Amino acid sequence: MYLGLAAAPAAWYNRDCNNLYDISISYEGAREAVSYRVLYGTKRAINIAEIVPKESKKAVPLEETKMQELFRAIHVGDQEKIRKEAIKETEKLHKNAATISQYNLATMEIVSGFFKFCANNSMDFNEISGNVQNLYERVTQLDESSMTNWIINMSMAISEKLRSTRNSTSRRIITDAQNIVKDRYMEPALSLDDVCADLGVSNSYFSSIFKKETGQSFVSYLTDYRMDRAEEMVLNTDEKSYKIAEKVGYQDANYFSYVFKKKFGVSPSKYRASGK
């Protein structure tokens, strides 16, 4: 029985994508379309996959389609690595696409991959890509050099946006943590665990960004804040040391005096006497 190429239903090829989220759906439809053939002498089309043994089909490795290494480089923010992986993606594209149809489908997949990556990281793909109309169609028309540059530029832009978003998020978390200290420094039980639970972040992540942003650990920051409030009370009130200790979160007056002296060089009573 002779199988020849048939024109797949027009809807498969001409499906309009009103938004980039539809690209992956359109892509899958196109892949399905190119697998159909018509039986000469009949009026029906069949999917070639229905008559080809399963083991004879060549599976496309996930690495071929999901650009893991490129996305990993984007996450890290290593520009040299991004450039290197972007070039690899273009080389892979031209190596694996034997026909124009395969090339077009592969470029659609790249655009779709970028879109999904942005969506998964709460970024606006349209904004990053310049709000280009019919982007996936335009990308298919790029030559190899232009395609490489487009992938590099998109990757760099996404990486920069990701870095900016992370920095913004980190600053917000730090500000929220500092506000928690301001509101609750007088609580003896206030701890790193409490703050992280309130903020909904892990201890390790919070400790890392707090040290990076403020130059000190959270515990050191909390201690300094308490000591600054204690200093104000020592100089501006007649409160006993044990009372001041309680008001800044220390149940043990002796330990409070020890911490105070470590910071200011003298005990609370001598600090008051000196009038500093």
C-alpha atoms as a PDB file:
ATOM      1  CA  MET A   1       0.000   0.000   0.000  1.00  0.00           C
ATOM      2  CA  TYR A   2       1.499   3.377  -1.022  1.00  0.00           C
ATOM      3  CA  LEU A   3       1.289   6.300   1.347  1.00  0.00           C
ATOM      4  CA  GLY A   4       1.623   9.843   0.081  1.00  0.00           C
ATOM      5  CA  LEU A   5       1.677  13.269   1.743  1.00  0.00           C
ATOM      6  CA  ALA A   6      -1.687  14.854   2.185  1.00  0.00           C
ATOM      7  CA  ALA A   7      -2.728  18.354   2.988  1.00  0.00           C
ATOM      8  CA  ALA A   8      -3.670  18.307   6.639  1.00  0.00           C
ATOM      9  CA  PRO A   9      -6.805  20.153   7.675  1.00  0.00           C
ATOM     10  CA  ALA A  10      -6.282  23.893   7.311  1.00  0.00           C
ATOM     11  CA  ALA A  11      -7.181  24.498  10.924  1.00  0.00           C
ATOM     12  CA  TRP A  12      -4.013  22.731  12.038  1.00  0.00           C
ATOM     13  CA  TYR A  13      -1.751  25.044  10.069  1.00  0.00           C
ATOM     14  CA  ASN A  14      -3.731  28.269  10.176  1.00  0.00           C
ATOM     15  CA  ARG A  15      -4.831  28.282  13.761  1.00  0.00           C
ATOM     16  CA  ASP A  16      -4.660  31.857  15.057  1.00  0.00           C
ATOM     17  CA  CYS A  17      -2.969  32.382  18.382  1.00  0.00           C
ATOM     18  CA  ASN A  18      -4.560  35.329  20.134  1.00  0.00           C
ATOM     19  CA  ASN A  19      -2.017  35.118  22.907  1.00  0.00           C
ATOM     20  CA  LEU A  20       1.319  33.454  23.455  1.00  0.00           C
ATOM     21  CA  TYR A  21      -0.152  30.913  25.824  1.00  0.00           C
ATOM     22  CA  ASP A  22      -1.784  29.290  22.783  1.00  0.00           C
ATOM     23  CA  ILE A  23       1.574  28.740  21.090  1.00  0.00           C
ATOM     24  CA  SER A  24       2.251  25.414  22.764  1.00  0.00           C
ATOM     25  CA  ILE A  25      -1.254  24.226  21.876  1.00  0.00           C
ATOM     26  CA  SER A  26      -0.789  25.331  18.283  1.00  0.00           C
ATOM     27  CA  TYR A  27       2.584  23.631  18.234  1.00  0.00           C
ATOM     28  CA  GLU A  28       1.175  20.294  19.346  1.00  0.00           C
ATOM     29  CA  GLY A  29      -1.565  20.576  16.739  1.00  0.00           C
ATOM     30  CA  ALA A  30       0.990  21.229  14.052  1.00  0.00           C
ATOM     31  CA  ARG A  31       3.058  18.230  15.123  1.00  0.00           C
ATOM     32  CA  GLU A  32      -0.044  16.088  14.890  1.00  0.00           C
ATOM     33  CA  ALA A  33      -0.851  17.524  11.484  1.00  0.00           C
ATOM     34  CA  VAL A  34       2.459  16.634   9.863  1.00  0.00           C
ATOM     35  CA  SER A  35       2.076  13.007  10.977  1.00  0.00           C
ATOM     36  CA  TYR A  36      -1.061  12.505   8.862  1.00  0.00           C
ATOM     37  CA  ARG A  37      -1.047  10.905   5.412  1.00  0.00           C
ATOM     38  CA  VAL A  38      -3.713  10.127   2.864  1.00  0.00           C
ATOM     39  CA  LEU A  39      -4.286   6.720   1.317  1.00  0.00           C
ATOM     40  CA  TYR A  40      -4.386   7.138  -2.446  1.00  0.00           C
ATOM     41  CA  GLY A  41      -7.572   5.755  -3.917  1.00  0.00           C
ATOM     42  CA  THR A  42      -9.510   6.427  -0.706  1.00  0.00           C
ATOM     43  CA  LYS A  43     -11.064   9.457   0.904  1.00  0.00           C
ATOM     44  CA  ARG A  44      -9.655   9.108   4.341  1.00  0.00           C
ATOM     45  CA  ALA A  45      -6.499  10.228   6.119  1.00  0.00           C
ATOM     46  CA  ILE A  46      -4.710   8.227   8.776  1.00  0.00           C
ATOM     47  CA  ASN A  47      -2.092   9.078  11.347  1.00  0.00           C
ATOM     48  CA  ILE A  48       1.160   7.403  10.328  1.00  0.00           C
ATOM     49  CA  ALA A  49       1.761   6.623  14.012  1.00  0.00           C
ATOM     50  CA  GLU A  50      -1.163   4.219  13.862  1.00  0.00           C
ATOM     51  CA  ILE A  51       0.613   1.892  11.449  1.00  0.00           C
ATOM     52  CA  VAL A  52       4.260   2.398  12.367  1.00  0.00           C
ATOM     53  CA  PRO A  53       5.486   0.113  15.167  1.00  0.00           C
ATOM     54  CA  LYS A  54       5.989   2.029  18.407  1.00  0.00           C
ATOM     55  CA  GLU A  55       9.608   1.004  18.721  1.00  0.00           C
ATOM     56  CA  SER A  56      10.497   2.516  15.339  1.00  0.00           C
ATOM     57  CA  LYS A  57       9.543   6.028  16.408  1.00  0.00           C
ATOM     58  CA  LYS A  58      12.453   8.177  17.477  1.00  0.00           C
ATOM     59  CA  ALA A  59      11.707   9.888  20.753  1.00  0.00           C
ATOM     60  CA  VAL A  60      12.890  13.461  21.109  1.00  0.00           C
ATOM     61  CA  PRO A  61      15.012  13.801  24.234  1.00  0.00           C
ATOM     62  CA  LEU A  62      13.623  16.230  26.772  1.00  0.00           C
ATOM     63  CA  GLU A  63      16.888  18.146  26.679  1.00  0.00           C
ATOM     64  CA  GLU A  64      16.248  18.806  22.996  1.00  0.00           C
ATOM     65  CA  THR A  65      13.026  20.657  23.656  1.00  0.00           C
ATOM     66  CA  LYS A  66      13.108  22.272  27.069  1.00  0.00           C
ATOM     67  CA  MET A  67      16.394  24.168  26.944  1.00  0.00           C
ATOM     68  CA  GLN A  68      17.275  23.158  30.486  1.00  0.00           C
ATOM     69  CA  GLU A  69      20.889  24.251  30.327  1.00  0.00           C
ATOM     70  CA  LEU A  70      19.974  27.653  28.910  1.00  0.00           C
ATOM     71  CA  PHE A  71      17.317  28.180  31.565  1.00  0.00           C
ATOM     72  CA  ARG A  72      19.770  27.091  34.254  1.00  0.00           C
ATOM     73  CA  ALA A  73      22.232  29.726  33.006  1.00  0.00           C
ATOM     74  CA  ILE A  74      19.445  32.337  33.018  1.00  0.00           C
ATOM     75  CA  HIS A  75      18.644  31.484  36.637  1.00  0.00           C
ATOM     76  CA  VAL A  76      22.295  31.795  37.659  1.00  0.00           C
ATOM     77  CA  GLY A  77      22.752  34.999  35.671  1.00  0.00           C
ATOM     78  CA  ASP A  78      26.105  34.016  34.143  1.00  0.00           C
ATOM     79  CA  GLN A  79      26.199  36.043  30.915  1.00  0.00           C
ATOM     80  CA  GLU A  80      29.016  34.051  29.354  1.00  0.00           C
ATOM     81  CA  LYS A  81      27.194  30.798  30.087  1.00  0.00           C
ATOM     82  CA  ILE A  82      23.954  32.252  28.711  1.00  0.00           C
ATOM     83  CA  ARG A  83      25.685  33.216  25.470  1.00  0.00           C
ATOM     84  CA  LYS A  84      27.278  29.781  25.168  1.00  0.00           C
ATOM     85  CA  GLU A  85      24.007  27.894  25.740  1.00  0.00           C
ATOM     86  CA  ALA A  86      22.085  30.214  23.393  1.00  0.00           C
ATOM     87  CA  ILE A  87      24.523  29.406  20.598  1.00  0.00           C
ATOM     88  CA  LYS A  88      24.088  25.709  21.347  1.00  0.00           C
ATOM     89  CA  GLU A  89      20.308  26.060  21.011  1.00  0.00           C
ATOM     90  CA  THR A  90      20.668  27.616  17.569  1.00  0.00           C
ATOM     91  CA  GLU A  91      23.106  24.934  16.461  1.00  0.00           C
ATOM     92  CA  LYS A  92      20.753  22.266  17.764  1.00  0.00           C
ATOM     93  CA  LEU A  93      17.854  23.892  15.933  1.00  0.00           C
ATOM     94  CA  HIS A  94      19.588  23.841  12.553  1.00  0.00           C
ATOM     95  CA  LYS A  95      21.062  20.388  13.079  1.00  0.00           C
ATOM     96  CA  ASN A  96      17.810  18.648  13.989  1.00  0.00           C
ATOM     97  CA  ALA A  97      15.399  20.393  11.618  1.00  0.00           C
ATOM     98  CA  ALA A  98      15.527  18.489   8.331  1.00  0.00           C
ATOM     99  CA  THR A  99      12.659  20.377   6.701  1.00  0.00           C
ATOM    100  CA  ILE A 100      11.228  23.876   6.788  1.00  0.00           C
ATOM    101  CA  SER A 101       8.172  22.595   8.631  1.00  0.00           C
ATOM    102  CA  GLN A 102      10.338  21.004  11.320  1.00  0.00           C
ATOM    103  CA  TYR A 103      12.382  24.202  11.608  1.00  0.00           C
ATOM    104  CA  ASN A 104       9.258  26.320  12.022  1.00  0.00           C
ATOM    105  CA  LEU A 105       7.855  23.977  14.647  1.00  0.00           C
ATOM    106  CA  ALA A 106      11.147  23.989  16.544  1.00  0.00           C
ATOM    107  CA  THR A 107      11.314  27.793  16.580  1.00  0.00           C
ATOM    108  CA  MET A 108       7.737  27.890  17.847  1.00  0.00           C
ATOM    109  CA  GLU A 109       8.802  25.583  20.634  1.00  0.00           C
ATOM    110  CA  ILE A 110      11.651  27.909  21.605  1.00  0.00           C
ATOM    111  CA  VAL A 111       9.310  30.890  21.796  1.00  0.00           C
ATOM    112  CA  SER A 112       6.839  28.797  23.786  1.00  0.00           C
ATOM    113  CA  GLY A 113       9.648  27.676  26.088  1.00  0.00           C
ATOM    114  CA  PHE A 114      10.603  31.266  26.868  1.00  0.00           C
ATOM    115  CA  PHE A 115       6.964  32.137  27.475  1.00  0.00           C
ATOM    116  CA  LYS A 116       6.462  29.258  29.907  1.00  0.00           C
ATOM    117  CA  PHE A 117       9.690  30.111  31.743  1.00  0.00           C
ATOM    118  CA  CYS A 118       8.498  33.695  32.214  1.00  0.00           C
ATOM    119  CA  ALA A 119       5.050  32.554  33.337  1.00  0.00           C
ATOM    120  CA  ASN A 120       6.571  30.148  35.873  1.00  0.00           C
ATOM    121  CA  ASN A 121       8.659  32.984  37.285  1.00  0.00           C
ATOM    122  CA  SER A 122       5.839  35.557  37.368  1.00  0.00           C
ATOM    123  CA  MET A 123       7.293  37.696  34.590  1.00  0.00           C
ATOM    124  CA  ASP A 124       5.510  39.354  31.669  1.00  0.00           C
ATOM    125  CA  PHE A 125       6.835  37.720  28.511  1.00  0.00           C
ATOM    126  CA  ASN A 126       5.123  40.240  26.250  1.00  0.00           C
ATOM    127  CA  GLU A 127       6.859  43.110  27.994  1.00  0.00           C
ATOM    128  CA  ILE A 128      10.262  41.429  27.886  1.00  0.00           C
ATOM    129  CA  SER A 129       9.901  40.512  24.201  1.00  0.00           C
ATOM    130  CA  GLY A 130       8.891  44.043  23.256  1.00  0.00           C
ATOM    131  CA  ASN A 131       5.185  43.312  22.676  1.00  0.00           C
ATOM    132  CA  VAL A 132       5.953  42.115  19.142  1.00  0.00           C
ATOM    133  CA  GLN A 133       2.862  41.015  17.234  1.00  0.00           C
ATOM    134  CA  ASN A 134       2.914  37.455  15.829  1.00  0.00           C
ATOM    135  CA  LEU A 135       6.294  36.916  17.429  1.00  0.00           C
ATOM    136  CA  TYR A 136       6.504  33.195  16.781  1.00  0.00           C
ATOM    137  CA  GLU A 137       5.896  33.754  13.064  1.00  0.00           C
ATOM    138  CA  ARG A 138       8.556  36.442  12.847  1.00  0.00           C
ATOM    139  CA  VAL A 139      11.094  34.283  14.644  1.00  0.00           C
ATOM    140  CA  THR A 140      10.701  31.553  12.020  1.00  0.00           C
ATOM    141  CA  GLN A 141      11.881  34.051   9.397  1.00  0.00           C
ATOM    142  CA  LEU A 142      15.189  34.804  11.115  1.00  0.00           C
ATOM    143  CA  ASP A 143      18.429  33.511   9.630  1.00  0.00           C
ATOM    144  CA  GLU A 144      20.850  31.558  11.810  1.00  0.00           C
ATOM    145  CA  SER A 145      22.835  34.590  12.955  1.00  0.00           C
ATOM    146  CA  SER A 146      19.733  36.640  13.728  1.00  0.00           C
ATOM    147  CA  MET A 147      18.151  33.674  15.501  1.00  0.00           C
ATOM    148  CA  THR A 148      21.222  33.296  17.704  1.00  0.00           C
ATOM    149  CA  ASN A 149      21.164  36.999  18.573  1.00  0.00           C
ATOM    150  CA  TRP A 150      17.439  36.864  19.348  1.00  0.00           C
ATOM    151  CA  ILE A 151      17.867  33.907  21.715  1.00  0.00           C
ATOM    152  CA  ILE A 152      20.829  35.612  23.410  1.00  0.00           C
ATOM    153  CA  ASN A 153      19.016  38.933  23.796  1.00  0.00           C
ATOM    154  CA  MET A 154      15.848  37.291  25.098  1.00  0.00           C
ATOM    155  CA  SER A 155      17.853  35.193  27.562  1.00  0.00           C
ATOM    156  CA  MET A 156      19.804  38.209  28.807  1.00  0.00           C
ATOM    157  CA  ALA A 157      16.637  40.277  29.211  1.00  0.00           C
ATOM    158  CA  ILE A 158      14.870  37.501  31.113  1.00  0.00           C
ATOM    159  CA  SER A 159      17.905  36.944  33.342  1.00  0.00           C
ATOM    160  CA  GLU A 160      18.141  40.653  34.150  1.00  0.00           C
ATOM    161  CA  LYS A 161      14.422  40.841  34.919  1.00  0.00           C
ATOM    162  CA  LEU A 162      14.730  37.768  37.125  1.00  0.00           C
ATOM    163  CA  ARG A 163      17.639  39.341  39.010  1.00  0.00           C
ATOM    164  CA  SER A 164      15.736  42.589  39.441  1.00  0.00           C
ATOM    165  CA  THR A 165      12.660  40.745  40.699  1.00  0.00           C
ATOM    166  CA  ARG A 166      14.758  38.760  43.163  1.00  0.00           C
ATOM    167  CA  ASN A 167      16.404  41.922  44.486  1.00  0.00           C
ATOM    168  CA  SER A 168      13.037  43.602  44.878  1.00  0.00           C
ATOM    169  CA  THR A 169      11.657  40.573  46.702  1.00  0.00           C
ATOM    170  CA  SER A 170      14.730  40.378  48.932  1.00  0.00           C
ATOM    171  CA  ARG A 171      14.461  44.047  49.890  1.00  0.00           C
ATOM    172  CA  ARG A 172      10.780  43.622  50.726  1.00  0.00           C
ATOM    173  CA  ILE A 173      11.518  40.609  52.936  1.00  0.00           C
ATOM    174  CA  ILE A 174      14.287  42.487  54.752  1.00  0.00           C
ATOM    175  CA  THR A 175      12.041  45.514  55.305  1.00  0.00           C
ATOM    176  CA  ASP A 176       9.248  43.310  56.629  1.00  0.00           C
ATOM    177  CA  ALA A 177      11.686  41.571  58.984  1.00  0.00           C
ATOM    178  CA  GLN A 178      12.965  44.900  60.295  1.00  0.00           C
ATOM    179  CA  ASN A 179       9.388  46.026  60.912  1.00  0.00           C
ATOM    180  CA  ILE A 180       8.727  42.831  62.869  1.00  0.00           C
ATOM    181  CA  VAL A 181      11.750  43.587  65.048  1.00  0.00           C
ATOM    182  CA  LYS A 182      10.530  47.157  65.557  1.00  0.00           C
ATOM    183  CA  ASP A 183       7.099  45.937  66.658  1.00  0.00           C
ATOM    184  CA  ARG A 184       8.159  42.923  68.735  1.00  0.00           C
ATOM    185  CA  TYR A 185      11.713  43.489  70.023  1.00  0.00           C
ATOM    186  CA  MET A 186      10.370  43.561  73.588  1.00  0.00           C
ATOM    187  CA  GLU A 187       9.230  39.917  73.309  1.00  0.00           C
ATOM    188  CA  PRO A 188      11.852  37.649  74.966  1.00  0.00           C
ATOM    189  CA  ALA A 189      10.893  34.688  72.787  1.00  0.00           C
ATOM    190  CA  LEU A 190      11.220  36.525  69.456  1.00  0.00           C
ATOM    191  CA  SER A 191      13.501  34.401  67.285  1.00  0.00           C
ATOM    192  CA  LEU A 192      14.698  33.782  63.762  1.00  0.00           C
ATOM    193  CA  ASP A 193      12.186  30.936  63.480  1.00  0.00           C
ATOM    194  CA  ASP A 194       9.310  33.254  64.404  1.00  0.00           C
ATOM    195  CA  VAL A 195      10.264  35.855  61.825  1.00  0.00           C
ATOM    196  CA  CYS A 196      10.730  33.303  59.047  1.00  0.00           C
ATOM    197  CA  ALA A 197       7.379  31.725  59.886  1.00  0.00           C
ATOM    198  CA  ASP A 198       5.688  35.134  59.674  1.00  0.00           C
ATOM    199  CA  LEU A 199       7.359  35.887  56.355  1.00  0.00           C
ATOM    200  CA  GLY A 200       6.787  32.417  54.910  1.00  0.00           C
ATOM    201  CA  VAL A 201      10.425  31.807  53.963  1.00  0.00           C
ATOM    202  CA  SER A 202      13.005  29.231  54.979  1.00  0.00           C
ATOM    203  CA  ASN A 203      15.600  30.010  57.638  1.00  0.00           C
ATOM    204  CA  SER A 204      18.509  29.365  55.312  1.00  0.00           C
ATOM    205  CA  TYR A 205      17.158  31.598  52.520  1.00  0.00           C
ATOM    206  CA  PHE A 206      16.237  34.391  54.912  1.00  0.00           C
ATOM    207  CA  SER A 207      19.571  34.250  56.737  1.00  0.00           C
ATOM    208  CA  SER A 208      21.414  34.383  53.422  1.00  0.00           C
ATOM    209  CA  ILE A 209      19.621  37.421  52.009  1.00  0.00           C
ATOM    210  CA  PHE A 210      19.528  39.240  55.375  1.00  0.00           C
ATOM    211  CA  LYS A 211      23.295  38.941  55.765  1.00  0.00           C
ATOM    212  CA  LYS A 212      23.807  39.990  52.149  1.00  0.00           C
ATOM    213  CA  GLU A 213      21.546  43.051  52.428  1.00  0.00           C
ATOM    214  CA  THR A 214      22.436  44.278  55.937  1.00  0.00           C
ATOM    215  CA  GLY A 215      25.953  42.952  56.455  1.00  0.00           C
ATOM    216  CA  GLN A 216      25.032  41.186  59.706  1.00  0.00           C
ATOM    217  CA  SER A 217      23.068  38.192  60.902  1.00  0.00           C
ATOM    218  CA  PHE A 218      19.457  38.550  62.016  1.00  0.00           C
ATOM    219  CA  VAL A 219      20.360  37.738  65.628  1.00  0.00           C
ATOM    220  CA  SER A 220      23.021  40.477  65.615  1.00  0.00           C
ATOM    221  CA  TYR A 221      20.540  42.930  64.124  1.00  0.00           C
ATOM    222  CA  LEU A 222      17.936  42.091  66.778  1.00  0.00           C
ATOM    223  CA  THR A 223      20.516  42.466  69.555  1.00  0.00           C
ATOM    224  CA  ASP A 224      21.732  45.827  68.214  1.00  0.00           C
ATOM    225  CA  TYR A 225      18.168  47.087  67.928  1.00  0.00           C
ATOM    226  CA  ARG A 226      17.419  46.086  71.506  1.00  0.00           C
ATOM    227  CA  MET A 227      20.618  47.700  72.750  1.00  0.00           C
ATOM    228  CA  ASP A 228      19.831  50.941  70.919  1.00  0.00           C
ATOM    229  CA  ARG A 229      16.424  51.068  72.615  1.00  0.00           C
ATOM    230  CA  ALA A 230      18.060  50.217  75.943  1.00  0.00           C
ATOM    231  CA  GLU A 231      20.598  53.021  75.497  1.00  0.00           C
ATOM    232  CA  GLU A 232      17.777  55.524  74.998  1.00  0.00           C
ATOM    233  CA  MET A 233      16.098  54.403  78.207  1.00  0.00           C
ATOM    234  CA  VAL A 234      19.333  54.389  80.187  1.00  0.00           C
ATOM    235  CA  LEU A 235      20.051  57.980  79.203  1.00  0.00           C
ATOM    236  CA  ASN A 236      16.529  59.411  79.197  1.00  0.00           C
ATOM    237  CA  THR A 237      14.784  57.654  82.119  1.00  0.00           C
ATOM    238  CA  ASP A 238      15.397  56.696  85.719  1.00  0.00           C
ATOM    239  CA  GLU A 239      14.321  53.104  85.155  1.00  0.00           C
ATOM    240  CA  LYS A 240      16.276  50.392  86.948  1.00  0.00           C
ATOM    241  CA  SER A 241      18.433  48.157  84.762  1.00  0.00           C
ATOM    242  CA  TYR A 242      16.249  45.102  85.337  1.00  0.00           C
ATOM    243  CA  LYS A 243      13.182  47.069  84.217  1.00  0.00           C
ATOM    244  CA  ILE A 244      14.928  48.256  81.082  1.00  0.00           C
ATOM    245  CA  ALA A 245      16.046  44.691  80.463  1.00  0.00           C
ATOM    246  CA  GLU A 246      12.450  43.484  80.554  1.00  0.00           C
ATOM    247  CA  LYS A 247      11.313  46.245  78.223  1.00  0.00           C
ATOM    248  CA  VAL A 248      13.842  45.294  75.563  1.00  0.00           C
ATOM    249  CA  GLY A 249      13.258  41.549  75.711  1.00  0.00           C
ATOM    250  CA  TYR A 250      15.686  40.280  78.364  1.00  0.00           C
ATOM    251  CA  GLN A 251      14.347  38.285  81.299  1.00  0.00           C
ATOM    252  CA  ASP A 252      17.792  37.919  82.873  1.00  0.00           C
ATOM    253  CA  ALA A 253      19.051  41.312  84.092  1.00  0.00           C
ATOM    254  CA  ASN A 254      22.617  40.050  84.482  1.00  0.00           C
ATOM    255  CA  TYR A 255      22.728  38.806  80.919  1.00  0.00           C
ATOM    256  CA  PHE A 256      21.273  42.118  79.754  1.00  0.00           C
ATOM    257  CA  SER A 257      24.064  43.992  81.552  1.00  0.00           C
ATOM    258  CA  TYR A 258      26.630  41.661  79.973  1.00  0.00           C
ATOM    259  CA  VAL A 259      25.283  42.310  76.448  1.00  0.00           C
ATOM    260  CA  PHE A 260      25.035  46.056  77.109  1.00  0.00           C
ATOM    261  CA  LYS A 261      28.622  46.245  78.324  1.00  0.00           C
ATOM    262  CA  LYS A 262      29.827  44.227  75.360  1.00  0.00           C
ATOM    263  CA  LYS A 263      28.298  46.794  73.012  1.00  0.00           C
ATOM    264  CA  PHE A 264      29.014  50.056  74.850  1.00  0.00           C
ATOM    265  CA  GLY A 265      32.079  49.132  76.888  1.00  0.00           C
ATOM    266  CA  VAL A 266      30.549  49.838  80.314  1.00  0.00           C
ATOM    267  CA  SER A 267      27.595  48.671  82.397  1.00  0.00           C
ATOM    268  CA  PRO A 268      24.218  50.426  82.083  1.00  0.00           C
ATOM    269  CA  SER A 269      24.705  52.250  85.422  1.00  0.00           C
ATOM    270  CA  LYS A 270      28.140  53.594  84.464  1.00  0.00           C
ATOM    271  CA  TYR A 271      26.876  54.531  81.012  1.00  0.00           C
ATOM    272  CA  ARG A 272      24.102  56.573  82.667  1.00  0.00           C
ATOM    273  CA  ALA A 273      26.542  58.169  85.049  1.00  0.00           C
ATOM    274  CA  SER A 274      28.828  59.224  82.221  1.00  0.00           C
ATOM    275  CA  GLY A 275      25.862  60.845  80.471  1.00  0.00           C
ATOM    276  CA  LYS A 276      26.970  59.681  77.030  1.00  0.00           C
END
